[in-house]
Amino acid sequence: MRTAWMAIVAVVAVGSFASAKDIAVVSNKSNHMDAMTVAELVKVCRGQTGHWPDGKPVTVVIRDPGSPEMKLVLQKIYEVPKDDVVTLISTANHNRQNHPAIIVADSDDAVMKKVEGTAGAIGLVDVYGINGSVDVVHVGGKLPLEPGYLLHGN
């Protein structure tokens, strides 16, 4: 009985660990961006920042707001339900007809490819989807997996 209980605890612990993901903020390499404050990230993700200091238009690439991968981002960055984020995306993109402010991608790989290929782009991806094609951005002085990181999944 004790062995069975320990096995159940181990499965639950592994399952909980697997669902606790850190979301990384990644940047197109030409942005030369290595850090953002939390307030800057929130403004960028909400489409409230149109251009970077060097003049490049800002593009944010995210997963579908209704996807399980975005639950943490909805809570920590947008702080509104997914339907409100969908409306926010539509409004932000309408205000910038020639260059979308927010692009929704269907996978972390698609986010990475879009960020890599778009000057001025940043993206939000599962930390395990990062590759060398982009730069990882410090948020509030922290990197993913560091204690106190804003987008740490619990």
C-alpha atoms as a PDB file:
ATOM      1  CA  MET A   1       0.000   0.000   0.000  1.00  0.00           C
ATOM      2  CA  ARG A   2       2.787   2.428   0.888  1.00  0.00           C
ATOM      3  CA  THR A   3       4.551   1.729  -2.432  1.00  0.00           C
ATOM      4  CA  ALA A   4       1.339   2.426  -4.361  1.00  0.00           C
ATOM      5  CA  TRP A   5       0.853   5.704  -2.473  1.00  0.00           C
ATOM      6  CA  MET A   6       4.433   6.785  -3.222  1.00  0.00           C
ATOM      7  CA  ALA A   7       3.918   5.964  -6.901  1.00  0.00           C
ATOM      8  CA  ILE A   8       0.770   8.110  -7.002  1.00  0.00           C
ATOM      9  CA  VAL A   9       2.559  11.004  -5.294  1.00  0.00           C
ATOM     10  CA  ALA A  10       5.424  10.716  -7.810  1.00  0.00           C
ATOM     11  CA  VAL A  11       3.035  10.754 -10.778  1.00  0.00           C
ATOM     12  CA  VAL A  12       1.161  13.772  -9.413  1.00  0.00           C
ATOM     13  CA  ALA A  13       4.443  15.607  -8.706  1.00  0.00           C
ATOM     14  CA  VAL A  14       5.777  14.907 -12.208  1.00  0.00           C
ATOM     15  CA  GLY A  15       2.455  15.924 -13.748  1.00  0.00           C
ATOM     16  CA  SER A  16       2.438  19.160 -11.773  1.00  0.00           C
ATOM     17  CA  PHE A  17       6.026  19.915 -12.782  1.00  0.00           C
ATOM     18  CA  ALA A  18       5.267  19.238 -16.431  1.00  0.00           C
ATOM     19  CA  SER A  19       2.345  21.672 -16.422  1.00  0.00           C
ATOM     20  CA  ALA A  20       4.314  24.417 -14.645  1.00  0.00           C
ATOM     21  CA  LYS A  21       5.901  26.241 -17.547  1.00  0.00           C
ATOM     22  CA  ASP A  22       7.861  29.423 -17.771  1.00  0.00           C
ATOM     23  CA  ILE A  23       6.968  31.651 -20.685  1.00  0.00           C
ATOM     24  CA  ALA A  24       9.990  33.356 -22.195  1.00  0.00           C
ATOM     25  CA  VAL A  25      10.019  36.741 -23.879  1.00  0.00           C
ATOM     26  CA  VAL A  26      12.133  36.474 -27.015  1.00  0.00           C
ATOM     27  CA  SER A  27      13.296  39.182 -29.380  1.00  0.00           C
ATOM     28  CA  ASN A  28      14.414  39.442 -32.984  1.00  0.00           C
ATOM     29  CA  LYS A  29      18.215  39.612 -32.909  1.00  0.00           C
ATOM     30  CA  SER A  30      18.258  42.937 -34.805  1.00  0.00           C
ATOM     31  CA  ASN A  31      16.383  44.573 -31.911  1.00  0.00           C
ATOM     32  CA  HIS A  32      19.482  44.349 -29.686  1.00  0.00           C
ATOM     33  CA  MET A  33      17.140  44.132 -26.710  1.00  0.00           C
ATOM     34  CA  ASP A  34      18.191  42.222 -23.651  1.00  0.00           C
ATOM     35  CA  ALA A  35      15.911  43.665 -20.965  1.00  0.00           C
ATOM     36  CA  MET A  36      12.476  45.189 -20.370  1.00  0.00           C
ATOM     37  CA  THR A  37      10.649  46.313 -17.284  1.00  0.00           C
ATOM     38  CA  VAL A  38       7.377  44.617 -16.459  1.00  0.00           C
ATOM     39  CA  ALA A  39       5.530  47.872 -17.257  1.00  0.00           C
ATOM     40  CA  GLU A  40       7.210  48.066 -20.685  1.00  0.00           C
ATOM     41  CA  LEU A  41       6.288  44.460 -21.445  1.00  0.00           C
ATOM     42  CA  VAL A  42       2.654  45.054 -20.473  1.00  0.00           C
ATOM     43  CA  LYS A  43       2.419  48.150 -22.714  1.00  0.00           C
ATOM     44  CA  VAL A  44       4.027  46.333 -25.640  1.00  0.00           C
ATOM     45  CA  CYS A  45       1.796  43.253 -25.269  1.00  0.00           C
ATOM     46  CA  ARG A  46      -1.315  45.422 -25.128  1.00  0.00           C
ATOM     47  CA  GLY A  47      -0.350  47.211 -28.351  1.00  0.00           C
ATOM     48  CA  GLN A  48       0.208  50.514 -26.553  1.00  0.00           C
ATOM     49  CA  THR A  49       3.792  50.930 -27.803  1.00  0.00           C
ATOM     50  CA  GLY A  50       4.007  51.535 -31.538  1.00  0.00           C
ATOM     51  CA  HIS A  51       7.746  51.853 -32.102  1.00  0.00           C
ATOM     52  CA  TRP A  52      11.007  50.924 -30.413  1.00  0.00           C
ATOM     53  CA  PRO A  53      13.476  53.731 -29.606  1.00  0.00           C
ATOM     54  CA  ASP A  54      15.338  52.982 -32.865  1.00  0.00           C
ATOM     55  CA  GLY A  55      12.130  53.603 -34.881  1.00  0.00           C
ATOM     56  CA  LYS A  56      11.288  49.987 -35.781  1.00  0.00           C
ATOM     57  CA  PRO A  57       7.599  49.186 -35.462  1.00  0.00           C
ATOM     58  CA  VAL A  58       6.772  46.909 -32.533  1.00  0.00           C
ATOM     59  CA  THR A  59       5.219  43.541 -33.332  1.00  0.00           C
ATOM     60  CA  VAL A  60       4.216  41.084 -30.604  1.00  0.00           C
ATOM     61  CA  VAL A  61       3.784  37.434 -31.550  1.00  0.00           C
ATOM     62  CA  ILE A  62       1.731  35.298 -29.176  1.00  0.00           C
ATOM     63  CA  ARG A  63      -0.201  32.046 -29.117  1.00  0.00           C
ATOM     64  CA  ASP A  64      -3.992  31.972 -29.360  1.00  0.00           C
ATOM     65  CA  PRO A  65      -5.363  33.720 -26.239  1.00  0.00           C
ATOM     66  CA  GLY A  66      -7.738  30.781 -25.704  1.00  0.00           C
ATOM     67  CA  SER A  67      -4.968  28.185 -25.695  1.00  0.00           C
ATOM     68  CA  PRO A  68      -3.807  26.579 -22.432  1.00  0.00           C
ATOM     69  CA  GLU A  69      -0.284  27.906 -23.118  1.00  0.00           C
ATOM     70  CA  MET A  70      -1.560  31.479 -22.790  1.00  0.00           C
ATOM     71  CA  LYS A  71      -3.333  31.112 -19.431  1.00  0.00           C
ATOM     72  CA  LEU A  72      -0.318  32.438 -17.502  1.00  0.00           C
ATOM     73  CA  VAL A  73       0.125  35.353 -19.921  1.00  0.00           C
ATOM     74  CA  LEU A  74      -3.558  36.273 -19.637  1.00  0.00           C
ATOM     75  CA  GLN A  75      -3.217  36.357 -15.840  1.00  0.00           C
ATOM     76  CA  LYS A  76       0.129  38.137 -15.500  1.00  0.00           C
ATOM     77  CA  ILE A  77       0.300  40.454 -18.535  1.00  0.00           C
ATOM     78  CA  TYR A  78      -3.189  41.137 -19.834  1.00  0.00           C
ATOM     79  CA  GLU A  79      -5.092  40.686 -16.551  1.00  0.00           C
ATOM     80  CA  VAL A  80      -8.369  40.264 -18.467  1.00  0.00           C
ATOM     81  CA  PRO A  81     -10.353  37.291 -19.833  1.00  0.00           C
ATOM     82  CA  LYS A  82      -9.418  35.836 -23.223  1.00  0.00           C
ATOM     83  CA  ASP A  83     -12.385  37.447 -24.983  1.00  0.00           C
ATOM     84  CA  ASP A  84     -11.131  40.874 -23.901  1.00  0.00           C
ATOM     85  CA  VAL A  85      -7.650  40.016 -25.213  1.00  0.00           C
ATOM     86  CA  VAL A  86      -9.152  39.041 -28.579  1.00  0.00           C
ATOM     87  CA  THR A  87     -10.899  42.431 -28.702  1.00  0.00           C
ATOM     88  CA  LEU A  88      -7.688  44.186 -27.654  1.00  0.00           C
ATOM     89  CA  ILE A  89      -5.768  42.446 -30.479  1.00  0.00           C
ATOM     90  CA  SER A  90      -8.386  43.446 -33.019  1.00  0.00           C
ATOM     91  CA  THR A  91      -8.359  47.071 -31.843  1.00  0.00           C
ATOM     92  CA  ALA A  92      -4.555  47.290 -31.712  1.00  0.00           C
ATOM     93  CA  ASN A  93      -4.250  45.861 -35.221  1.00  0.00           C
ATOM     94  CA  HIS A  94      -7.006  48.126 -36.578  1.00  0.00           C
ATOM     95  CA  ASN A  95      -5.131  51.167 -35.284  1.00  0.00           C
ATOM     96  CA  ARG A  96      -1.986  50.017 -37.138  1.00  0.00           C
ATOM     97  CA  GLN A  97      -3.346  48.825 -40.466  1.00  0.00           C
ATOM     98  CA  ASN A  98      -0.009  48.784 -42.317  1.00  0.00           C
ATOM     99  CA  HIS A  99       1.880  46.804 -39.674  1.00  0.00           C
ATOM    100  CA  PRO A 100       0.020  44.588 -37.178  1.00  0.00           C
ATOM    101  CA  ALA A 101       0.783  45.250 -33.532  1.00  0.00           C
ATOM    102  CA  ILE A 102      -0.074  41.727 -32.374  1.00  0.00           C
ATOM    103  CA  ILE A 103       0.160  38.513 -34.389  1.00  0.00           C
ATOM    104  CA  VAL A 104      -1.373  35.248 -33.196  1.00  0.00           C
ATOM    105  CA  ALA A 105       0.577  32.107 -34.126  1.00  0.00           C
ATOM    106  CA  ASP A 106      -0.593  28.516 -33.852  1.00  0.00           C
ATOM    107  CA  SER A 107       2.519  27.037 -32.188  1.00  0.00           C
ATOM    108  CA  ASP A 108       5.672  28.003 -30.321  1.00  0.00           C
ATOM    109  CA  ASP A 109       7.650  27.069 -33.443  1.00  0.00           C
ATOM    110  CA  ALA A 110       5.528  29.487 -35.494  1.00  0.00           C
ATOM    111  CA  VAL A 111       6.095  32.214 -32.874  1.00  0.00           C
ATOM    112  CA  MET A 112       9.853  31.639 -33.067  1.00  0.00           C
ATOM    113  CA  LYS A 113       9.900  31.771 -36.886  1.00  0.00           C
ATOM    114  CA  LYS A 114       7.823  34.956 -37.003  1.00  0.00           C
ATOM    115  CA  VAL A 115       9.997  36.689 -34.377  1.00  0.00           C
ATOM    116  CA  GLU A 116      13.171  35.575 -36.152  1.00  0.00           C
ATOM    117  CA  GLY A 117      11.921  36.925 -39.479  1.00  0.00           C
ATOM    118  CA  THR A 118      10.392  40.221 -38.314  1.00  0.00           C
ATOM    119  CA  ALA A 119      12.584  43.164 -37.355  1.00  0.00           C
ATOM    120  CA  GLY A 120      11.096  44.804 -34.266  1.00  0.00           C
ATOM    121  CA  ALA A 121       9.293  41.645 -33.154  1.00  0.00           C
ATOM    122  CA  ILE A 122       9.136  40.069 -29.723  1.00  0.00           C
ATOM    123  CA  GLY A 123       7.317  36.873 -28.854  1.00  0.00           C
ATOM    124  CA  LEU A 124       6.051  34.881 -25.911  1.00  0.00           C
ATOM    125  CA  VAL A 125       6.944  31.178 -26.000  1.00  0.00           C
ATOM    126  CA  ASP A 126       7.360  28.198 -23.722  1.00  0.00           C
ATOM    127  CA  VAL A 127      10.927  28.366 -22.420  1.00  0.00           C
ATOM    128  CA  TYR A 128      11.614  24.932 -23.915  1.00  0.00           C
ATOM    129  CA  GLY A 129      10.769  26.246 -27.399  1.00  0.00           C
ATOM    130  CA  ILE A 130      13.692  28.699 -27.443  1.00  0.00           C
ATOM    131  CA  ASN A 131      16.477  28.242 -29.964  1.00  0.00           C
ATOM    132  CA  GLY A 132      19.469  30.296 -31.073  1.00  0.00           C
ATOM    133  CA  SER A 133      17.532  32.244 -33.720  1.00  0.00           C
ATOM    134  CA  VAL A 134      16.312  34.843 -31.185  1.00  0.00           C
ATOM    135  CA  ASP A 135      17.498  36.629 -28.061  1.00  0.00           C
ATOM    136  CA  VAL A 136      15.923  35.949 -24.657  1.00  0.00           C
ATOM    137  CA  VAL A 137      14.833  39.124 -22.878  1.00  0.00           C
ATOM    138  CA  HIS A 138      15.221  39.771 -19.142  1.00  0.00           C
ATOM    139  CA  VAL A 139      11.869  40.850 -17.684  1.00  0.00           C
ATOM    140  CA  GLY A 140      12.080  42.889 -14.519  1.00  0.00           C
ATOM    141  CA  GLY A 141      15.753  41.913 -14.232  1.00  0.00           C
ATOM    142  CA  LYS A 142      15.040  38.163 -14.387  1.00  0.00           C
ATOM    143  CA  LEU A 143      15.358  35.418 -16.978  1.00  0.00           C
ATOM    144  CA  PRO A 144      13.008  32.434 -17.278  1.00  0.00           C
ATOM    145  CA  LEU A 145      13.595  29.766 -14.639  1.00  0.00           C
ATOM    146  CA  GLU A 146      15.093  32.307 -12.197  1.00  0.00           C
ATOM    147  CA  PRO A 147      13.272  32.769  -8.873  1.00  0.00           C
ATOM    148  CA  GLY A 148      10.900  35.738  -9.042  1.00  0.00           C
ATOM    149  CA  TYR A 149      10.517  35.656 -12.842  1.00  0.00           C
ATOM    150  CA  LEU A 150       7.172  37.238 -13.804  1.00  0.00           C
ATOM    151  CA  LEU A 151       6.042  34.532 -16.228  1.00  0.00           C
ATOM    152  CA  HIS A 152       6.876  31.531 -14.069  1.00  0.00           C
ATOM    153  CA  GLY A 153       4.125  28.922 -14.190  1.00  0.00           C
ATOM    154  CA  ASN A 154       2.931  27.337 -10.987  1.00  0.00           C
END
